[in-house]
Amino acid sequence: MLTVMTDFRFNDYPTLTDGEIEVVVRQKLAEDDEEGLIPSYECDVRLPDGSEPAGSVSLRIGTTPHILRYLGHIGYSIRKAYRGHHYAARACRLVRRIAVDHGLKTLWITCNPENYPSRRTCELLGCEFVEIVNIPENTALYYNGERRKCRYRWDL
């Protein structure tokens, strides 16, 4: 399945919050056919006190075979000092609004099989575990040392 985002336009979003964390769009990255990139929102995950970012969450808008199998629509990272509070799951729930606004009905999230906190995040979101796949040798992920990905489906 390939979803081409014809006439894609980025939307502006206010700070998204659930009362415990805030997600702030930091950057909007345009599609780059040469690099194989699709449009994405890059966001900071913050606590309402305005301190340094607790982490980040990115949302890729559109679907390609590489997104479906290896990269996923959502990527997240929480800094070590802020882990253990389910901030990644909370941030994913907040950017869900952006995905829905762009017409996405299903998001794919991938993680390394040994990354149990990330797998737990997918469980907290209610994602369906689909499979573990091997990463092709001709990809940047493989070049960076990654060999397998768990694939989770999140129906919005």
C-alpha atoms as a PDB file:
ATOM      1  CA  MET A   1       0.000   0.000   0.000  1.00  0.00           C
ATOM      2  CA  LEU A   2       1.376   3.356  -1.036  1.00  0.00           C
ATOM      3  CA  THR A   3      -0.365   6.535  -0.023  1.00  0.00           C
ATOM      4  CA  VAL A   4       0.809   9.507  -2.038  1.00  0.00           C
ATOM      5  CA  MET A   5       0.063  12.826  -0.394  1.00  0.00           C
ATOM      6  CA  THR A   6      -0.924  14.940  -3.394  1.00  0.00           C
ATOM      7  CA  ASP A   7      -1.202  18.656  -2.703  1.00  0.00           C
ATOM      8  CA  PHE A   8       0.142  18.084   0.798  1.00  0.00           C
ATOM      9  CA  ARG A   9       0.025  21.094   3.102  1.00  0.00           C
ATOM     10  CA  PHE A  10       1.375  21.312   6.608  1.00  0.00           C
ATOM     11  CA  ASN A  11      -1.082  22.513   9.226  1.00  0.00           C
ATOM     12  CA  ASP A  12      -0.286  24.789  12.135  1.00  0.00           C
ATOM     13  CA  TYR A  13      -0.938  23.333  15.573  1.00  0.00           C
ATOM     14  CA  PRO A  14      -1.009  24.974  18.978  1.00  0.00           C
ATOM     15  CA  THR A  15       0.777  23.293  21.843  1.00  0.00           C
ATOM     16  CA  LEU A  16      -0.881  19.902  22.318  1.00  0.00           C
ATOM     17  CA  THR A  17      -1.283  18.907  25.953  1.00  0.00           C
ATOM     18  CA  ASP A  18      -2.886  16.290  28.146  1.00  0.00           C
ATOM     19  CA  GLY A  19      -2.222  18.270  31.319  1.00  0.00           C
ATOM     20  CA  GLU A  20       0.945  16.360  32.192  1.00  0.00           C
ATOM     21  CA  ILE A  21       3.049  16.832  29.058  1.00  0.00           C
ATOM     22  CA  GLU A  22       3.071  19.163  26.087  1.00  0.00           C
ATOM     23  CA  VAL A  23       3.944  18.384  22.487  1.00  0.00           C
ATOM     24  CA  VAL A  24       5.218  21.353  20.502  1.00  0.00           C
ATOM     25  CA  VAL A  25       5.872  21.207  16.758  1.00  0.00           C
ATOM     26  CA  ARG A  26       9.519  22.209  16.414  1.00  0.00           C
ATOM     27  CA  GLN A  27       9.994  21.646  12.694  1.00  0.00           C
ATOM     28  CA  LYS A  28       8.090  20.629   9.580  1.00  0.00           C
ATOM     29  CA  LEU A  29      10.190  18.617   7.154  1.00  0.00           C
ATOM     30  CA  ALA A  30       9.142  18.598   3.520  1.00  0.00           C
ATOM     31  CA  GLU A  31       9.105  15.611   1.216  1.00  0.00           C
ATOM     32  CA  ASP A  32      12.456  14.810  -0.408  1.00  0.00           C
ATOM     33  CA  ASP A  33      12.168  12.304  -3.259  1.00  0.00           C
ATOM     34  CA  GLU A  34      15.931  12.051  -3.649  1.00  0.00           C
ATOM     35  CA  GLU A  35      16.369  11.039  -0.004  1.00  0.00           C
ATOM     36  CA  GLY A  36      13.150   9.004   0.072  1.00  0.00           C
ATOM     37  CA  LEU A  37      11.665  11.156   2.815  1.00  0.00           C
ATOM     38  CA  ILE A  38       7.999  11.930   3.264  1.00  0.00           C
ATOM     39  CA  PRO A  39       6.584  15.020   5.013  1.00  0.00           C
ATOM     40  CA  SER A  40       6.944  14.900   8.777  1.00  0.00           C
ATOM     41  CA  TYR A  41       6.279  16.866  11.916  1.00  0.00           C
ATOM     42  CA  GLU A  42       9.187  16.904  14.361  1.00  0.00           C
ATOM     43  CA  CYS A  43       8.034  17.744  17.879  1.00  0.00           C
ATOM     44  CA  ASP A  44       9.497  18.365  21.317  1.00  0.00           C
ATOM     45  CA  VAL A  45       7.957  16.627  24.308  1.00  0.00           C
ATOM     46  CA  ARG A  46       7.998  18.992  27.297  1.00  0.00           C
ATOM     47  CA  LEU A  47       6.724  19.230  30.807  1.00  0.00           C
ATOM     48  CA  PRO A  48       4.424  22.239  31.357  1.00  0.00           C
ATOM     49  CA  ASP A  49       7.050  23.932  33.549  1.00  0.00           C
ATOM     50  CA  GLY A  50       8.929  24.998  30.420  1.00  0.00           C
ATOM     51  CA  SER A  51      12.076  23.060  31.244  1.00  0.00           C
ATOM     52  CA  GLU A  52      14.285  21.530  28.603  1.00  0.00           C
ATOM     53  CA  PRO A  53      12.618  18.981  26.336  1.00  0.00           C
ATOM     54  CA  ALA A  54      11.981  15.616  27.949  1.00  0.00           C
ATOM     55  CA  GLY A  55      12.248  14.041  24.525  1.00  0.00           C
ATOM     56  CA  SER A  56      10.886  14.114  21.018  1.00  0.00           C
ATOM     57  CA  VAL A  57       8.226  12.554  18.836  1.00  0.00           C
ATOM     58  CA  SER A  58       8.033  12.600  15.058  1.00  0.00           C
ATOM     59  CA  LEU A  59       5.083  11.862  12.828  1.00  0.00           C
ATOM     60  CA  ARG A  60       5.603  10.906   9.203  1.00  0.00           C
ATOM     61  CA  ILE A  61       2.625  11.758   7.015  1.00  0.00           C
ATOM     62  CA  GLY A  62       2.068   9.253   4.230  1.00  0.00           C
ATOM     63  CA  THR A  63       2.699   5.582   3.686  1.00  0.00           C
ATOM     64  CA  THR A  64       5.463   3.876   1.746  1.00  0.00           C
ATOM     65  CA  PRO A  65       6.651   0.256   1.861  1.00  0.00           C
ATOM     66  CA  HIS A  66       9.675   1.390   3.927  1.00  0.00           C
ATOM     67  CA  ILE A  67       7.430   3.198   6.440  1.00  0.00           C
ATOM     68  CA  LEU A  68       5.117   0.187   6.713  1.00  0.00           C
ATOM     69  CA  ARG A  69       7.830  -2.412   7.254  1.00  0.00           C
ATOM     70  CA  TYR A  70      10.835  -0.767   8.884  1.00  0.00           C
ATOM     71  CA  LEU A  71      10.617   2.895   9.850  1.00  0.00           C
ATOM     72  CA  GLY A  72       7.039   3.411  11.015  1.00  0.00           C
ATOM     73  CA  HIS A  73       4.894   6.538  10.986  1.00  0.00           C
ATOM     74  CA  ILE A  74       5.849   7.515  14.525  1.00  0.00           C
ATOM     75  CA  GLY A  75       9.257   7.735  16.127  1.00  0.00           C
ATOM     76  CA  TYR A  76       9.871   8.755  19.722  1.00  0.00           C
ATOM     77  CA  SER A  77      12.683   9.177  22.173  1.00  0.00           C
ATOM     78  CA  ILE A  78      12.502  10.161  25.832  1.00  0.00           C
ATOM     79  CA  ARG A  79      15.616  11.362  27.632  1.00  0.00           C
ATOM     80  CA  LYS A  80      16.878   9.028  30.329  1.00  0.00           C
ATOM     81  CA  ALA A  81      16.064  11.382  33.220  1.00  0.00           C
ATOM     82  CA  TYR A  82      12.391  11.475  32.154  1.00  0.00           C
ATOM     83  CA  ARG A  83      11.756   7.797  31.471  1.00  0.00           C
ATOM     84  CA  GLY A  84       9.313   5.670  33.435  1.00  0.00           C
ATOM     85  CA  HIS A  85       6.336   8.049  33.236  1.00  0.00           C
ATOM     86  CA  HIS A  86       4.834   6.814  29.944  1.00  0.00           C
ATOM     87  CA  TYR A  87       5.656  10.134  28.264  1.00  0.00           C
ATOM     88  CA  ALA A  88       6.232   8.410  24.898  1.00  0.00           C
ATOM     89  CA  ALA A  89       2.734   6.888  24.914  1.00  0.00           C
ATOM     90  CA  ARG A  90       1.228  10.191  26.011  1.00  0.00           C
ATOM     91  CA  ALA A  91       3.076  12.039  23.223  1.00  0.00           C
ATOM     92  CA  CYS A  92       1.873   9.506  20.641  1.00  0.00           C
ATOM     93  CA  ARG A  93      -1.707   9.999  21.789  1.00  0.00           C
ATOM     94  CA  LEU A  94      -1.297  13.756  21.352  1.00  0.00           C
ATOM     95  CA  VAL A  95       0.152  13.589  17.819  1.00  0.00           C
ATOM     96  CA  ARG A  96      -2.658  11.205  16.896  1.00  0.00           C
ATOM     97  CA  ARG A  97      -4.730  14.363  16.303  1.00  0.00           C
ATOM     98  CA  ILE A  98      -2.283  15.490  13.610  1.00  0.00           C
ATOM     99  CA  ALA A  99      -2.412  12.078  11.910  1.00  0.00           C
ATOM    100  CA  VAL A 100      -6.210  12.093  11.880  1.00  0.00           C
ATOM    101  CA  ASP A 101      -6.241  15.664  10.510  1.00  0.00           C
ATOM    102  CA  HIS A 102      -4.156  14.404   7.567  1.00  0.00           C
ATOM    103  CA  GLY A 103      -6.513  11.513   6.880  1.00  0.00           C
ATOM    104  CA  LEU A 104      -4.423   8.673   8.280  1.00  0.00           C
ATOM    105  CA  LYS A 105      -6.517   5.861   9.719  1.00  0.00           C
ATOM    106  CA  THR A 106      -3.741   3.461  10.695  1.00  0.00           C
ATOM    107  CA  LEU A 107      -0.257   4.196  11.986  1.00  0.00           C
ATOM    108  CA  TRP A 108       2.631   1.760  12.057  1.00  0.00           C
ATOM    109  CA  ILE A 109       5.190   1.895  14.845  1.00  0.00           C
ATOM    110  CA  THR A 110       8.389  -0.108  14.732  1.00  0.00           C
ATOM    111  CA  CYS A 111      11.018  -0.795  17.351  1.00  0.00           C
ATOM    112  CA  ASN A 112      13.926  -3.106  17.933  1.00  0.00           C
ATOM    113  CA  PRO A 113      12.883  -6.440  19.487  1.00  0.00           C
ATOM    114  CA  GLU A 114      15.128  -5.918  22.527  1.00  0.00           C
ATOM    115  CA  ASN A 115      13.701  -2.426  23.214  1.00  0.00           C
ATOM    116  CA  TYR A 116      11.188  -3.519  25.841  1.00  0.00           C
ATOM    117  CA  PRO A 117      10.216   0.013  26.944  1.00  0.00           C
ATOM    118  CA  SER A 118       9.271   0.885  23.365  1.00  0.00           C
ATOM    119  CA  ARG A 119       7.351  -2.354  23.006  1.00  0.00           C
ATOM    120  CA  ARG A 120       5.515  -1.479  26.234  1.00  0.00           C
ATOM    121  CA  THR A 121       4.665   1.930  24.786  1.00  0.00           C
ATOM    122  CA  CYS A 122       3.001   0.190  21.831  1.00  0.00           C
ATOM    123  CA  GLU A 123       1.045  -2.020  24.239  1.00  0.00           C
ATOM    124  CA  LEU A 124      -0.119   1.014  26.241  1.00  0.00           C
ATOM    125  CA  LEU A 125      -1.381   2.597  23.025  1.00  0.00           C
ATOM    126  CA  GLY A 126      -3.405  -0.506  22.226  1.00  0.00           C
ATOM    127  CA  CYS A 127      -1.354  -1.328  19.150  1.00  0.00           C
ATOM    128  CA  GLU A 128      -1.535  -4.778  17.631  1.00  0.00           C
ATOM    129  CA  PHE A 129       1.777  -6.646  17.418  1.00  0.00           C
ATOM    130  CA  VAL A 130       2.019  -7.958  13.848  1.00  0.00           C
ATOM    131  CA  GLU A 131       5.476  -9.499  13.388  1.00  0.00           C
ATOM    132  CA  ILE A 132       9.235  -9.187  13.598  1.00  0.00           C
ATOM    133  CA  VAL A 133      10.949  -8.553  10.256  1.00  0.00           C
ATOM    134  CA  ASN A 134      14.567  -8.621   9.122  1.00  0.00           C
ATOM    135  CA  ILE A 135      15.937  -5.307   7.858  1.00  0.00           C
ATOM    136  CA  PRO A 136      17.376  -5.396   4.325  1.00  0.00           C
ATOM    137  CA  GLU A 137      21.115  -4.867   4.035  1.00  0.00           C
ATOM    138  CA  ASN A 138      20.695  -2.005   1.550  1.00  0.00           C
ATOM    139  CA  THR A 139      18.997   0.340   4.044  1.00  0.00           C
ATOM    140  CA  ALA A 140      20.273   3.106   6.315  1.00  0.00           C
ATOM    141  CA  LEU A 141      18.801   1.258   9.312  1.00  0.00           C
ATOM    142  CA  TYR A 142      20.950  -1.795   8.551  1.00  0.00           C
ATOM    143  CA  TYR A 143      24.004   0.397   7.976  1.00  0.00           C
ATOM    144  CA  ASN A 144      23.414   1.917  11.443  1.00  0.00           C
ATOM    145  CA  GLY A 145      23.549  -1.533  13.038  1.00  0.00           C
ATOM    146  CA  GLU A 146      19.870  -2.419  13.233  1.00  0.00           C
ATOM    147  CA  ARG A 147      18.938  -5.900  12.080  1.00  0.00           C
ATOM    148  CA  ARG A 148      15.299  -6.555  13.006  1.00  0.00           C
ATOM    149  CA  LYS A 149      12.153  -4.564  13.747  1.00  0.00           C
ATOM    150  CA  CYS A 150       8.960  -5.356  15.600  1.00  0.00           C
ATOM    151  CA  ARG A 151       5.957  -4.075  13.673  1.00  0.00           C
ATOM    152  CA  TYR A 152       2.927  -2.714  15.522  1.00  0.00           C
ATOM    153  CA  ARG A 153      -0.324  -1.537  13.946  1.00  0.00           C
ATOM    154  CA  TRP A 154      -2.259   1.288  15.616  1.00  0.00           C
ATOM    155  CA  ASP A 155      -5.763   1.725  14.226  1.00  0.00           C
ATOM    156  CA  LEU A 156      -6.916   5.250  14.912  1.00  0.00           C
END
